PDB file of N, CA and C in Angstrom:
ATOM      1  N   MET A   1      76.847 -18.486 139.802  1.00  0.00           N
ATOM      2  CA  MET A   1      76.026 -19.143 140.800  1.00  0.00           C
ATOM      3  C   MET A   1      75.324 -20.323 140.151  1.00  0.00           C
ATOM      4  N   ASN A   2      75.424 -21.518 140.735  1.00  0.00           N
ATOM      5  CA  ASN A   2      74.770 -22.676 140.137  1.00  0.00           C
ATOM      6  C   ASN A   2      73.322 -22.786 140.591  1.00  0.00           C
ATOM      7  N   GLN A   3      72.606 -23.720 139.991  1.00  0.00           N
ATOM      8  CA  GLN A   3      71.169 -23.852 140.238  1.00  0.00           C
ATOM      9  C   GLN A   3      70.862 -24.102 141.706  1.00  0.00           C
ATOM     10  N   SER A   4      71.633 -24.953 142.381  1.00  0.00           N
ATOM     11  CA  SER A   4      71.320 -25.270 143.769  1.00  0.00           C
ATOM     12  C   SER A   4      71.522 -24.065 144.682  1.00  0.00           C
ATOM     13  N   GLN A   5      72.433 -23.158 144.328  1.00  0.00           N
ATOM     14  CA  GLN A   5      72.636 -21.960 145.130  1.00  0.00           C
ATOM     15  C   GLN A   5      71.494 -20.965 144.932  1.00  0.00           C
ATOM     16  N   ASN A   6      70.799 -21.015 143.816  1.00  0.00           N
ATOM     17  CA  ASN A   6      69.696 -20.105 143.526  1.00  0.00           C
ATOM     18  C   ASN A   6      68.365 -20.597 144.076  1.00  0.00           C
ATOM     19  N   THR A   7      68.290 -21.851 144.489  1.00  0.00           N
ATOM     20  CA  THR A   7      67.039 -22.434 144.943  1.00  0.00           C
ATOM     21  C   THR A   7      66.852 -22.180 146.434  1.00  0.00           C
ATOM     22  N   ILE A   8      65.672 -21.657 146.760  1.00  0.00           N
ATOM     23  CA  ILE A   8      65.312 -21.416 148.149  1.00  0.00           C
ATOM     24  C   ILE A   8      64.174 -22.365 148.464  1.00  0.00           C
ATOM     25  N   LYS A   9      64.425 -23.343 149.350  1.00  0.00           N
ATOM     26  CA  LYS A   9      63.385 -24.312 149.667  1.00  0.00           C
ATOM     27  C   LYS A   9      63.652 -24.932 151.024  1.00  0.00           C
ATOM     28  N   ASN A  10      62.632 -25.545 151.554  1.00  0.00           N
ATOM     29  CA  ASN A  10      62.710 -26.291 152.796  1.00  0.00           C
ATOM     30  C   ASN A  10      62.636 -27.771 152.467  1.00  0.00           C
ATOM     31  N   PRO A  11      63.143 -28.637 153.358  1.00  0.00           N
ATOM     32  CA  PRO A  11      63.052 -30.075 153.082  1.00  0.00           C
ATOM     33  C   PRO A  11      61.611 -30.554 153.164  1.00  0.00           C
ATOM     34  N   LYS A  12      61.294 -31.548 152.350  1.00  0.00           N
ATOM     35  CA  LYS A  12      59.966 -32.149 152.391  1.00  0.00           C
ATOM     36  C   LYS A  12      59.861 -33.042 153.616  1.00  0.00           C
ATOM     37  N   PRO A  13      58.639 -33.287 154.089  1.00  0.00           N
ATOM     38  CA  PRO A  13      58.466 -34.178 155.245  1.00  0.00           C
ATOM     39  C   PRO A  13      59.043 -35.564 154.961  1.00  0.00           C
ATOM     40  N   ALA A  14      59.642 -36.165 155.971  1.00  0.00           N
ATOM     41  CA  ALA A  14      60.289 -37.471 155.804  1.00  0.00           C
ATOM     42  C   ALA A  14      59.292 -38.567 155.427  1.00  0.00           C
ATOM     43  N   ASN A  15      58.057 -38.448 155.886  1.00  0.00           N
ATOM     44  CA  ASN A  15      57.075 -39.502 155.619  1.00  0.00           C
ATOM     45  C   ASN A  15      56.382 -39.354 154.267  1.00  0.00           C
ATOM     46  N   GLU A  16      56.755 -38.360 153.477  1.00  0.00           N
ATOM     47  CA  GLU A  16      56.144 -38.183 152.155  1.00  0.00           C
ATOM     48  C   GLU A  16      56.815 -39.120 151.170  1.00  0.00           C
ATOM     49  N   PRO A  17      56.019 -39.952 150.450  1.00  0.00           N
ATOM     50  CA  PRO A  17      56.625 -40.916 149.523  1.00  0.00           C
ATOM     51  C   PRO A  17      57.300 -40.219 148.340  1.00  0.00           C
ATOM     52  N   GLN A  18      58.347 -40.840 147.821  1.00  0.00           N
ATOM     53  CA  GLN A  18      59.052 -40.295 146.663  1.00  0.00           C
ATOM     54  C   GLN A  18      58.185 -40.380 145.409  1.00  0.00           C
ATOM     55  N   VAL A  19      57.453 -41.484 145.268  1.00  0.00           N
ATOM     56  CA  VAL A  19      56.575 -41.684 144.114  1.00  0.00           C
ATOM     57  C   VAL A  19      55.143 -41.558 144.605  1.00  0.00           C
ATOM     58  N   LYS A  20      54.408 -40.670 143.984  1.00  0.00           N
ATOM     59  CA  LYS A  20      53.043 -40.366 144.407  1.00  0.00           C
ATOM     60  C   LYS A  20      52.075 -41.374 143.820  1.00  0.00           C
ATOM     61  N   GLY A  21      51.243 -41.964 144.671  1.00  0.00           N
ATOM     62  CA  GLY A  21      50.185 -42.873 144.232  1.00  0.00           C
ATOM     63  C   GLY A  21      48.892 -42.100 144.011  1.00  0.00           C
ATOM     64  N   PRO A  22      47.801 -42.794 143.724  1.00  0.00           N
ATOM     65  CA  PRO A  22      46.531 -42.128 143.445  1.00  0.00           C
ATOM     66  C   PRO A  22      45.824 -41.574 144.687  1.00  0.00           C
ATOM     67  N   GLU A  23      46.215 -42.034 145.884  1.00  0.00           N
ATOM     68  CA  GLU A  23      45.547 -41.576 147.098  1.00  0.00           C
ATOM     69  C   GLU A  23      45.984 -40.155 147.456  1.00  0.00           C
ATOM     70  N   MET A  24      45.069 -39.432 148.114  1.00  0.00           N
ATOM     71  CA  MET A  24      45.389 -38.059 148.526  1.00  0.00           C
ATOM     72  C   MET A  24      46.236 -38.105 149.798  1.00  0.00           C
ATOM     73  N   ASN A  25      47.272 -37.266 149.832  1.00  0.00           N
ATOM     74  CA  ASN A  25      48.077 -37.136 151.032  1.00  0.00           C
ATOM     75  C   ASN A  25      47.887 -35.723 151.593  1.00  0.00           C
ATOM     76  N   ASP A  26      48.614 -35.398 152.655  1.00  0.00           N
ATOM     77  CA  ASP A  26      48.474 -34.074 153.273  1.00  0.00           C
ATOM     78  C   ASP A  26      48.768 -32.955 152.287  1.00  0.00           C
ATOM     79  N   ARG A  27      49.808 -33.132 151.469  1.00  0.00           N
ATOM     80  CA  ARG A  27      50.156 -32.096 150.489  1.00  0.00           C
ATOM     81  C   ARG A  27      48.993 -31.859 149.524  1.00  0.00           C
ATOM     82  N   ASP A  28      48.377 -32.942 149.047  1.00  0.00           N
ATOM     83  CA  ASP A  28      47.242 -32.806 148.119  1.00  0.00           C
ATOM     84  C   ASP A  28      46.087 -32.050 148.765  1.00  0.00           C
ATOM     85  N   ARG A  29      45.804 -32.371 150.009  1.00  0.00           N
ATOM     86  CA  ARG A  29      44.691 -31.717 150.703  1.00  0.00           C
ATOM     87  C   ARG A  29      44.955 -30.221 150.884  1.00  0.00           C
ATOM     88  N   VAL A  30      46.165 -29.889 151.324  1.00  0.00           N
ATOM     89  CA  VAL A  30      46.495 -28.476 151.535  1.00  0.00           C
ATOM     90  C   VAL A  30      46.533 -27.746 150.197  1.00  0.00           C
ATOM     91  N   ASN A  31      47.052 -28.392 149.164  1.00  0.00           N
ATOM     92  CA  ASN A  31      47.083 -27.785 147.838  1.00  0.00           C
ATOM     93  C   ASN A  31      45.663 -27.539 147.323  1.00  0.00           C
ATOM     94  N   ASP A  32      44.743 -28.448 147.626  1.00  0.00           N
ATOM     95  CA  ASP A  32      43.346 -28.277 147.235  1.00  0.00           C
ATOM     96  C   ASP A  32      42.739 -27.070 147.947  1.00  0.00           C
ATOM     97  N   VAL A  33      43.035 -26.910 149.233  1.00  0.00           N
ATOM     98  CA  VAL A  33      42.536 -25.757 149.986  1.00  0.00           C
ATOM     99  C   VAL A  33      43.146 -24.471 149.438  1.00  0.00           C
ATOM    100  N   LEU A  34      44.428 -24.501 149.076  1.00  0.00           N
ATOM    101  CA  LEU A  34      45.073 -23.326 148.499  1.00  0.00           C
ATOM    102  C   LEU A  34      44.393 -22.924 147.184  1.00  0.00           C
ATOM    103  N   ALA A  35      44.100 -23.900 146.343  1.00  0.00           N
ATOM    104  CA  ALA A  35      43.410 -23.608 145.073  1.00  0.00           C
ATOM    105  C   ALA A  35      42.028 -23.007 145.340  1.00  0.00           C
ATOM    106  N   LEU A  36      41.331 -23.523 146.345  1.00  0.00           N
ATOM    107  CA  LEU A  36      40.024 -22.976 146.701  1.00  0.00           C
ATOM    108  C   LEU A  36      40.155 -21.525 147.167  1.00  0.00           C
ATOM    109  N   GLU A  37      41.142 -21.239 148.019  1.00  0.00           N
ATOM    110  CA  GLU A  37      41.340 -19.871 148.516  1.00  0.00           C
ATOM    111  C   GLU A  37      41.659 -18.919 147.370  1.00  0.00           C
ATOM    112  N   LYS A  38      42.447 -19.362 146.402  1.00  0.00           N
ATOM    113  CA  LYS A  38      42.752 -18.523 145.243  1.00  0.00           C
ATOM    114  C   LYS A  38      41.481 -18.241 144.445  1.00  0.00           C
ATOM    115  N   TYR A  39      40.645 -19.249 144.262  1.00  0.00           N
ATOM    116  CA  TYR A  39      39.381 -19.071 143.557  1.00  0.00           C
ATOM    117  C   TYR A  39      38.495 -18.081 144.312  1.00  0.00           C
ATOM    118  N   LEU A  40      38.434 -18.225 145.644  1.00  0.00           N
ATOM    119  CA  LEU A  40      37.607 -17.323 146.453  1.00  0.00           C
ATOM    120  C   LEU A  40      38.094 -15.884 146.365  1.00  0.00           C
ATOM    121  N   THR A  41      39.414 -15.673 146.419  1.00  0.00           N
ATOM    122  CA  THR A  41      39.909 -14.293 146.333  1.00  0.00           C
ATOM    123  C   THR A  41      39.558 -13.684 144.981  1.00  0.00           C
ATOM    124  N   ASP A  42      39.665 -14.463 143.922  1.00  0.00           N
ATOM    125  CA  ASP A  42      39.277 -13.949 142.603  1.00  0.00           C
ATOM    126  C   ASP A  42      37.795 -13.579 142.586  1.00  0.00           C
ATOM    127  N   SER A  43      36.968 -14.428 143.140  1.00  0.00           N
ATOM    128  CA  SER A  43      35.524 -14.176 143.144  1.00  0.00           C
ATOM    129  C   SER A  43      35.163 -12.978 144.021  1.00  0.00           C
ATOM    130  N   PHE A  44      35.783 -12.873 145.189  1.00  0.00           N
ATOM    131  CA  PHE A  44      35.490 -11.736 146.065  1.00  0.00           C
ATOM    132  C   PHE A  44      36.016 -10.427 145.476  1.00  0.00           C
ATOM    133  N   ASN A  45      37.093 -10.478 144.705  1.00  0.00           N
ATOM    134  CA  ASN A  45      37.555  -9.269 144.012  1.00  0.00           C
ATOM    135  C   ASN A  45      36.476  -8.752 143.067  1.00  0.00           C
ATOM    136  N   VAL A  46      35.877  -9.654 142.305  1.00  0.00           N
ATOM    137  CA  VAL A  46      34.801  -9.262 141.393  1.00  0.00           C
ATOM    138  C   VAL A  46      33.615  -8.727 142.186  1.00  0.00           C
ATOM    139  N   SER A  47      33.252  -9.432 143.245  1.00  0.00           N
ATOM    140  CA  SER A  47      32.107  -8.997 144.063  1.00  0.00           C
ATOM    141  C   SER A  47      32.342  -7.617 144.668  1.00  0.00           C
ATOM    142  N   ALA A  48      33.548  -7.362 145.131  1.00  0.00           N
ATOM    143  CA  ALA A  48      33.851  -6.054 145.733  1.00  0.00           C
ATOM    144  C   ALA A  48      33.739  -4.942 144.696  1.00  0.00           C
ATOM    145  N   ARG A  49      34.205  -5.207 143.486  1.00  0.00           N
ATOM    146  CA  ARG A  49      34.102  -4.195 142.423  1.00  0.00           C
ATOM    147  C   ARG A  49      32.665  -3.893 142.066  1.00  0.00           C
ATOM    148  N   GLU A  50      31.798  -4.890 142.153  1.00  0.00           N
ATOM    149  CA  GLU A  50      30.432  -4.741 141.664  1.00  0.00           C
ATOM    150  C   GLU A  50      29.395  -4.488 142.752  1.00  0.00           C
ATOM    151  N   ALA A  51      29.801  -4.481 144.015  1.00  0.00           N
ATOM    152  CA  ALA A  51      28.840  -4.242 145.099  1.00  0.00           C
ATOM    153  C   ALA A  51      28.347  -2.803 145.030  1.00  0.00           C
ATOM    154  N   SER A  52      27.028  -2.631 145.066  1.00  0.00           N
ATOM    155  CA  SER A  52      26.471  -1.288 144.918  1.00  0.00           C
ATOM    156  C   SER A  52      26.089  -0.649 146.254  1.00  0.00           C
ATOM    157  N   HIS A  53      25.993  -1.420 147.298  1.00  0.00           N
ATOM    158  CA  HIS A  53      25.612  -0.879 148.603  1.00  0.00           C
ATOM    159  C   HIS A  53      26.865  -0.758 149.478  1.00  0.00           C
ATOM    160  N   PRO A  54      27.080   0.383 150.124  1.00  0.00           N
ATOM    161  CA  PRO A  54      28.309   0.595 150.912  1.00  0.00           C
ATOM    162  C   PRO A  54      28.534  -0.457 151.993  1.00  0.00           C
ATOM    163  N   ASP A  55      27.492  -0.856 152.703  1.00  0.00           N
ATOM    164  CA  ASP A  55      27.667  -1.860 153.764  1.00  0.00           C
ATOM    165  C   ASP A  55      28.045  -3.223 153.182  1.00  0.00           C
ATOM    166  N   LEU A  56      27.403  -3.574 152.080  1.00  0.00           N
ATOM    167  CA  LEU A  56      27.746  -4.830 151.404  1.00  0.00           C
ATOM    168  C   LEU A  56      29.183  -4.784 150.916  1.00  0.00           C
ATOM    169  N   HIS A  57      29.567  -3.668 150.320  1.00  0.00           N
ATOM    170  CA  HIS A  57      30.939  -3.511 149.842  1.00  0.00           C
ATOM    171  C   HIS A  57      31.939  -3.684 150.991  1.00  0.00           C
ATOM    172  N   GLN A  58      31.660  -3.068 152.122  1.00  0.00           N
ATOM    173  CA  GLN A  58      32.570  -3.172 153.262  1.00  0.00           C
ATOM    174  C   GLN A  58      32.650  -4.609 153.785  1.00  0.00           C
ATOM    175  N   ASP A  59      31.514  -5.293 153.848  1.00  0.00           N
ATOM    176  CA  ASP A  59      31.523  -6.692 154.291  1.00  0.00           C
ATOM    177  C   ASP A  59      32.348  -7.562 153.342  1.00  0.00           C
ATOM    178  N   ILE A  60      32.159  -7.355 152.050  1.00  0.00           N
ATOM    179  CA  ILE A  60      32.919  -8.139 151.068  1.00  0.00           C
ATOM    180  C   ILE A  60      34.407  -7.827 151.178  1.00  0.00           C
ATOM    181  N   MET A  61      34.756  -6.566 151.394  1.00  0.00           N
ATOM    182  CA  MET A  61      36.168  -6.209 151.539  1.00  0.00           C
ATOM    183  C   MET A  61      36.787  -6.881 152.768  1.00  0.00           C
ATOM    184  N   THR A  62      36.037  -6.961 153.844  1.00  0.00           N
ATOM    185  CA  THR A  62      36.520  -7.647 155.042  1.00  0.00           C
ATOM    186  C   THR A  62      36.785  -9.124 154.748  1.00  0.00           C
ATOM    187  N   ILE A  63      35.814  -9.759 154.096  1.00  0.00           N
ATOM    188  CA  ILE A  63      35.966 -11.174 153.740  1.00  0.00           C
ATOM    189  C   ILE A  63      37.117 -11.353 152.753  1.00  0.00           C
ATOM    190  N   LEU A  64      37.227 -10.439 151.794  1.00  0.00           N
ATOM    191  CA  LEU A  64      38.309 -10.507 150.807  1.00  0.00           C
ATOM    192  C   LEU A  64      39.676 -10.449 151.487  1.00  0.00           C
ATOM    193  N   ASN A  65      39.844  -9.512 152.414  1.00  0.00           N
ATOM    194  CA  ASN A  65      41.122  -9.399 153.123  1.00  0.00           C
ATOM    195  C   ASN A  65      41.418 -10.652 153.942  1.00  0.00           C
ATOM    196  N   GLU A  66      40.399 -11.194 154.601  1.00  0.00           N
ATOM    197  CA  GLU A  66      40.592 -12.425 155.369  1.00  0.00           C
ATOM    198  C   GLU A  66      40.952 -13.591 154.459  1.00  0.00           C
ATOM    199  N   THR A  67      40.335 -13.650 153.299  1.00  0.00           N
ATOM    200  CA  THR A  67      40.605 -14.724 152.348  1.00  0.00           C
ATOM    201  C   THR A  67      42.022 -14.619 151.793  1.00  0.00           C
ATOM    202  N   HIS A  68      42.458 -13.393 151.484  1.00  0.00           N
ATOM    203  CA  HIS A  68      43.849 -13.208 151.036  1.00  0.00           C
ATOM    204  C   HIS A  68      44.827 -13.635 152.128  1.00  0.00           C
ATOM    205  N   GLN A  69      44.538 -13.280 153.367  1.00  0.00           N
ATOM    206  CA  GLN A  69      45.423 -13.654 154.474  1.00  0.00           C
ATOM    207  C   GLN A  69      45.465 -15.173 154.637  1.00  0.00           C
ATOM    208  N   CYS A  70      44.322 -15.814 154.537  1.00  0.00           N
ATOM    209  CA  CYS A  70      44.267 -17.272 154.647  1.00  0.00           C
ATOM    210  C   CYS A  70      45.066 -17.927 153.520  1.00  0.00           C
ATOM    211  N   GLN A  71      44.909 -17.412 152.301  1.00  0.00           N
ATOM    212  CA  GLN A  71      45.657 -17.955 151.165  1.00  0.00           C
ATOM    213  C   GLN A  71      47.147 -17.831 151.401  1.00  0.00           C
ATOM    214  N   TYR A  72      47.582 -16.687 151.914  1.00  0.00           N
ATOM    215  CA  TYR A  72      49.001 -16.477 152.173  1.00  0.00           C
ATOM    216  C   TYR A  72      49.515 -17.443 153.241  1.00  0.00           C
ATOM    217  N   GLU A  73      48.743 -17.641 154.286  1.00  0.00           N
ATOM    218  CA  GLU A  73      49.159 -18.546 155.362  1.00  0.00           C
ATOM    219  C   GLU A  73      49.259 -19.987 154.870  1.00  0.00           C
ATOM    220  N   ILE A  74      48.353 -20.392 153.987  1.00  0.00           N
ATOM    221  CA  ILE A  74      48.417 -21.743 153.416  1.00  0.00           C
ATOM    222  C   ILE A  74      49.657 -21.881 152.541  1.00  0.00           C
ATOM    223  N   TYR A  75      49.934 -20.864 151.726  1.00  0.00           N
ATOM    224  CA  TYR A  75      51.156 -20.897 150.912  1.00  0.00           C
ATOM    225  C   TYR A  75      52.387 -21.017 151.819  1.00  0.00           C
ATOM    226  N   GLU A  76      52.439 -20.212 152.882  1.00  0.00           N
ATOM    227  CA  GLU A  76      53.579 -20.265 153.806  1.00  0.00           C
ATOM    228  C   GLU A  76      53.725 -21.650 154.429  1.00  0.00           C
ATOM    229  N   LEU A  77      52.612 -22.272 154.792  1.00  0.00           N
ATOM    230  CA  LEU A  77      52.640 -23.628 155.336  1.00  0.00           C
ATOM    231  C   LEU A  77      53.237 -24.595 154.318  1.00  0.00           C
ATOM    232  N   MET A  78      52.793 -24.489 153.081  1.00  0.00           N
ATOM    233  CA  MET A  78      53.321 -25.374 152.043  1.00  0.00           C
ATOM    234  C   MET A  78      54.804 -25.117 151.796  1.00  0.00           C
ATOM    235  N   PHE A  79      55.221 -23.864 151.831  1.00  0.00           N
ATOM    236  CA  PHE A  79      56.636 -23.550 151.638  1.00  0.00           C
ATOM    237  C   PHE A  79      57.464 -24.131 152.789  1.00  0.00           C
ATOM    238  N   ARG A  80      57.000 -23.935 154.023  1.00  0.00           N
ATOM    239  CA  ARG A  80      57.722 -24.472 155.190  1.00  0.00           C
ATOM    240  C   ARG A  80      57.840 -25.986 155.128  1.00  0.00           C
ATOM    241  N   ASN A  81      56.832 -26.643 154.534  1.00  0.00           N
ATOM    242  CA  ASN A  81      56.836 -28.098 154.442  1.00  0.00           C
ATOM    243  C   ASN A  81      57.522 -28.621 153.186  1.00  0.00           C
ATOM    244  N   GLY A  82      58.182 -27.730 152.444  1.00  0.00           N
ATOM    245  CA  GLY A  82      58.974 -28.159 151.299  1.00  0.00           C
ATOM    246  C   GLY A  82      58.192 -28.410 150.027  1.00  0.00           C
ATOM    247  N   HIS A  83      56.956 -27.924 149.944  1.00  0.00           N
ATOM    248  CA  HIS A  83      56.145 -28.174 148.760  1.00  0.00           C
ATOM    249  C   HIS A  83      56.260 -27.079 147.710  1.00  0.00           C
ATOM    250  N   TYR A  84      56.915 -25.995 148.042  1.00  0.00           N
ATOM    251  CA  TYR A  84      57.188 -24.922 147.093  1.00  0.00           C
ATOM    252  C   TYR A  84      58.661 -24.595 147.177  1.00  0.00           C
ATOM    253  N   LYS A  85      59.241 -24.245 146.055  1.00  0.00           N
ATOM    254  CA  LYS A  85      60.605 -23.731 146.063  1.00  0.00           C
ATOM    255  C   LYS A  85      60.628 -22.441 145.261  1.00  0.00           C
ATOM    256  N   LEU A  86      61.518 -21.575 145.624  1.00  0.00           N
ATOM    257  CA  LEU A  86      61.668 -20.290 144.955  1.00  0.00           C
ATOM    258  C   LEU A  86      63.049 -20.234 144.327  1.00  0.00           C
ATOM    259  N   GLU A  87      63.169 -19.470 143.291  1.00  0.00           N
ATOM    260  CA  GLU A  87      64.458 -19.265 142.649  1.00  0.00           C
ATOM    261  C   GLU A  87      64.929 -17.846 142.951  1.00  0.00           C
ATOM    262  N   ALA A  88      66.091 -17.720 143.560  1.00  0.00           N
ATOM    263  CA  ALA A  88      66.653 -16.404 143.858  1.00  0.00           C
ATOM    264  C   ALA A  88      67.122 -15.768 142.551  1.00  0.00           C
ATOM    265  N   GLU A  89      66.887 -14.490 142.417  1.00  0.00           N
ATOM    266  CA  GLU A  89      67.295 -13.773 141.210  1.00  0.00           C
ATOM    267  C   GLU A  89      68.589 -13.026 141.487  1.00  0.00           C
ATOM    268  N   GLU A  90      69.387 -12.854 140.456  1.00  0.00           N
ATOM    269  CA  GLU A  90      70.635 -12.118 140.586  1.00  0.00           C
ATOM    270  C   GLU A  90      70.342 -10.631 140.790  1.00  0.00           C
ATOM    271  N   GLN A  91      71.117  -9.979 141.637  1.00  0.00           N
ATOM    272  CA  GLN A  91      70.869  -8.586 141.983  1.00  0.00           C
ATOM    273  C   GLN A  91      70.894  -7.673 140.764  1.00  0.00           C
ATOM    274  N   ASN A  92      71.775  -7.923 139.805  1.00  0.00           N
ATOM    275  CA  ASN A  92      71.832  -7.045 138.630  1.00  0.00           C
ATOM    276  C   ASN A  92      70.551  -7.122 137.798  1.00  0.00           C
ATOM    277  N   LYS A  93      69.902  -8.301 137.751  1.00  0.00           N
ATOM    278  CA  LYS A  93      68.628  -8.411 137.031  1.00  0.00           C
ATOM    279  C   LYS A  93      67.524  -7.681 137.783  1.00  0.00           C
ATOM    280  N   LEU A  94      67.531  -7.751 139.101  1.00  0.00           N
ATOM    281  CA  LEU A  94      66.560  -7.005 139.906  1.00  0.00           C
ATOM    282  C   LEU A  94      66.733  -5.507 139.690  1.00  0.00           C
ATOM    283  N   ASP A  95      67.984  -5.047 139.716  1.00  0.00           N
ATOM    284  CA  ASP A  95      68.271  -3.627 139.520  1.00  0.00           C
ATOM    285  C   ASP A  95      67.806  -3.157 138.134  1.00  0.00           C
ATOM    286  N   GLN A  96      68.044  -3.977 137.123  1.00  0.00           N
ATOM    287  CA  GLN A  96      67.659  -3.632 135.756  1.00  0.00           C
ATOM    288  C   GLN A  96      66.135  -3.516 135.642  1.00  0.00           C
ATOM    289  N   THR A  97      65.411  -4.467 136.201  1.00  0.00           N
ATOM    290  CA  THR A  97      63.944  -4.423 136.149  1.00  0.00           C
ATOM    291  C   THR A  97      63.414  -3.243 136.938  1.00  0.00           C
ATOM    292  N   TYR A  98      63.987  -2.987 138.098  1.00  0.00           N
ATOM    293  CA  TYR A  98      63.574  -1.842 138.907  1.00  0.00           C
ATOM    294  C   TYR A  98      63.730  -0.554 138.110  1.00  0.00           C
ATOM    295  N   GLN A  99      64.877  -0.384 137.457  1.00  0.00           N
ATOM    296  CA  GLN A  99      65.129   0.832 136.693  1.00  0.00           C
ATOM    297  C   GLN A  99      64.150   0.962 135.533  1.00  0.00           C
ATOM    298  N   GLN A 100      63.874  -0.154 134.871  1.00  0.00           N
ATOM    299  CA  GLN A 100      62.930  -0.141 133.749  1.00  0.00           C
ATOM    300  C   GLN A 100      61.570   0.359 134.200  1.00  0.00           C
ATOM    301  N   PHE A 101      61.044  -0.180 135.283  1.00  0.00           N
ATOM    302  CA  PHE A 101      59.712   0.210 135.729  1.00  0.00           C
ATOM    303  C   PHE A 101      59.716   1.558 136.439  1.00  0.00           C
ATOM    304  N   ASN A 102      60.804   1.916 137.048  1.00  0.00           N
ATOM    305  CA  ASN A 102      60.911   3.232 137.670  1.00  0.00           C
ATOM    306  C   ASN A 102      60.828   4.320 136.595  1.00  0.00           C
ATOM    307  N   ASN A 103      61.409   4.050 135.430  1.00  0.00           N
ATOM    308  CA  ASN A 103      61.339   5.010 134.324  1.00  0.00           C
ATOM    309  C   ASN A 103      59.910   5.179 133.813  1.00  0.00           C
ATOM    310  N   TYR A 104      59.074   4.154 133.944  1.00  0.00           N
ATOM    311  CA  TYR A 104      57.683   4.242 133.503  1.00  0.00           C
ATOM    312  C   TYR A 104      56.880   5.207 134.364  1.00  0.00           C
ATOM    313  N   SER A 105      57.320   5.474 135.590  1.00  0.00           N
ATOM    314  CA  SER A 105      56.532   6.310 136.500  1.00  0.00           C
ATOM    315  C   SER A 105      56.327   7.716 135.947  1.00  0.00           C
ATOM    316  N   SER A 106      57.188   8.161 135.056  1.00  0.00           N
ATOM    317  CA  SER A 106      56.997   9.487 134.465  1.00  0.00           C
ATOM    318  C   SER A 106      55.768   9.529 133.561  1.00  0.00           C
ATOM    319  N   GLN A 107      55.246   8.377 133.180  1.00  0.00           N
ATOM    320  CA  GLN A 107      54.075   8.304 132.308  1.00  0.00           C
ATOM    321  C   GLN A 107      52.757   8.266 133.087  1.00  0.00           C
ATOM    322  N   PHE A 108      52.823   8.189 134.416  1.00  0.00           N
ATOM    323  CA  PHE A 108      51.601   8.124 135.219  1.00  0.00           C
ATOM    324  C   PHE A 108      50.842   9.439 135.096  1.00  0.00           C
ATOM    325  N   PRO A 109      49.511   9.379 135.046  1.00  0.00           N
ATOM    326  CA  PRO A 109      48.705  10.589 134.871  1.00  0.00           C
ATOM    327  C   PRO A 109      48.554  11.417 136.145  1.00  0.00           C
ATOM    328  N   TYR A 110      49.091  10.950 137.240  1.00  0.00           N
ATOM    329  CA  TYR A 110      48.968  11.683 138.500  1.00  0.00           C
ATOM    330  C   TYR A 110      50.355  12.018 139.008  1.00  0.00           C
ATOM    331  N   ASN A 111      50.414  12.825 140.030  1.00  0.00           N
ATOM    332  CA  ASN A 111      51.695  13.230 140.589  1.00  0.00           C
ATOM    333  C   ASN A 111      52.420  11.984 141.097  1.00  0.00           C
ATOM    334  N   HIS A 112      53.581  11.708 140.562  1.00  0.00           N
ATOM    335  CA  HIS A 112      54.309  10.523 140.936  1.00  0.00           C
ATOM    336  C   HIS A 112      55.505  10.838 141.826  1.00  0.00           C
ATOM    337  N   ALA A 113      55.511  11.992 142.431  1.00  0.00           N
ATOM    338  CA  ALA A 113      56.611  12.339 143.330  1.00  0.00           C
ATOM    339  C   ALA A 113      56.656  11.334 144.473  1.00  0.00           C
ATOM    340  N   GLY A 114      57.824  10.828 144.728  1.00  0.00           N
ATOM    341  CA  GLY A 114      58.007   9.887 145.821  1.00  0.00           C
ATOM    342  C   GLY A 114      57.704   8.447 145.467  1.00  0.00           C
ATOM    343  N   MET A 115      57.224   8.199 144.269  1.00  0.00           N
ATOM    344  CA  MET A 115      56.909   6.822 143.890  1.00  0.00           C
ATOM    345  C   MET A 115      58.164   6.095 143.446  1.00  0.00           C
ATOM    346  N   MET A 116      58.302   4.868 143.881  1.00  0.00           N
ATOM    347  CA  MET A 116      59.384   3.965 143.468  1.00  0.00           C
ATOM    348  C   MET A 116      60.759   4.609 143.605  1.00  0.00           C
ATOM    349  N   GLN A 117      60.967   5.314 144.661  1.00  0.00           N
ATOM    350  CA  GLN A 117      62.286   5.913 144.849  1.00  0.00           C
ATOM    351  C   GLN A 117      63.085   5.154 145.856  1.00  0.00           C
TER     352      GLN A 117
END
């Protein structure tokens, strides 16, 4: 399989310049919002771990889940607009990694019946 067959991507918008100048375009703005959402999810993860009051913890968890969802939707928007590309992996490599980590489940300190099967 050649490189182009392994690449999963959408076309970039037609009005996006080939050579990027110093001015911000739509991609830059959305990428900036994506970076902010990633920062917020990291911060809310810490806050959720350290919240000592149950109501505060629940409020932070609600905000954390909403922030993760927003981050995912922004990523999906960027992918649809051709700003992200993914590389497809060969099935034999996926199978090998799955088997490697599936074998680790026997080391879990709790009942692992039904895990990764």
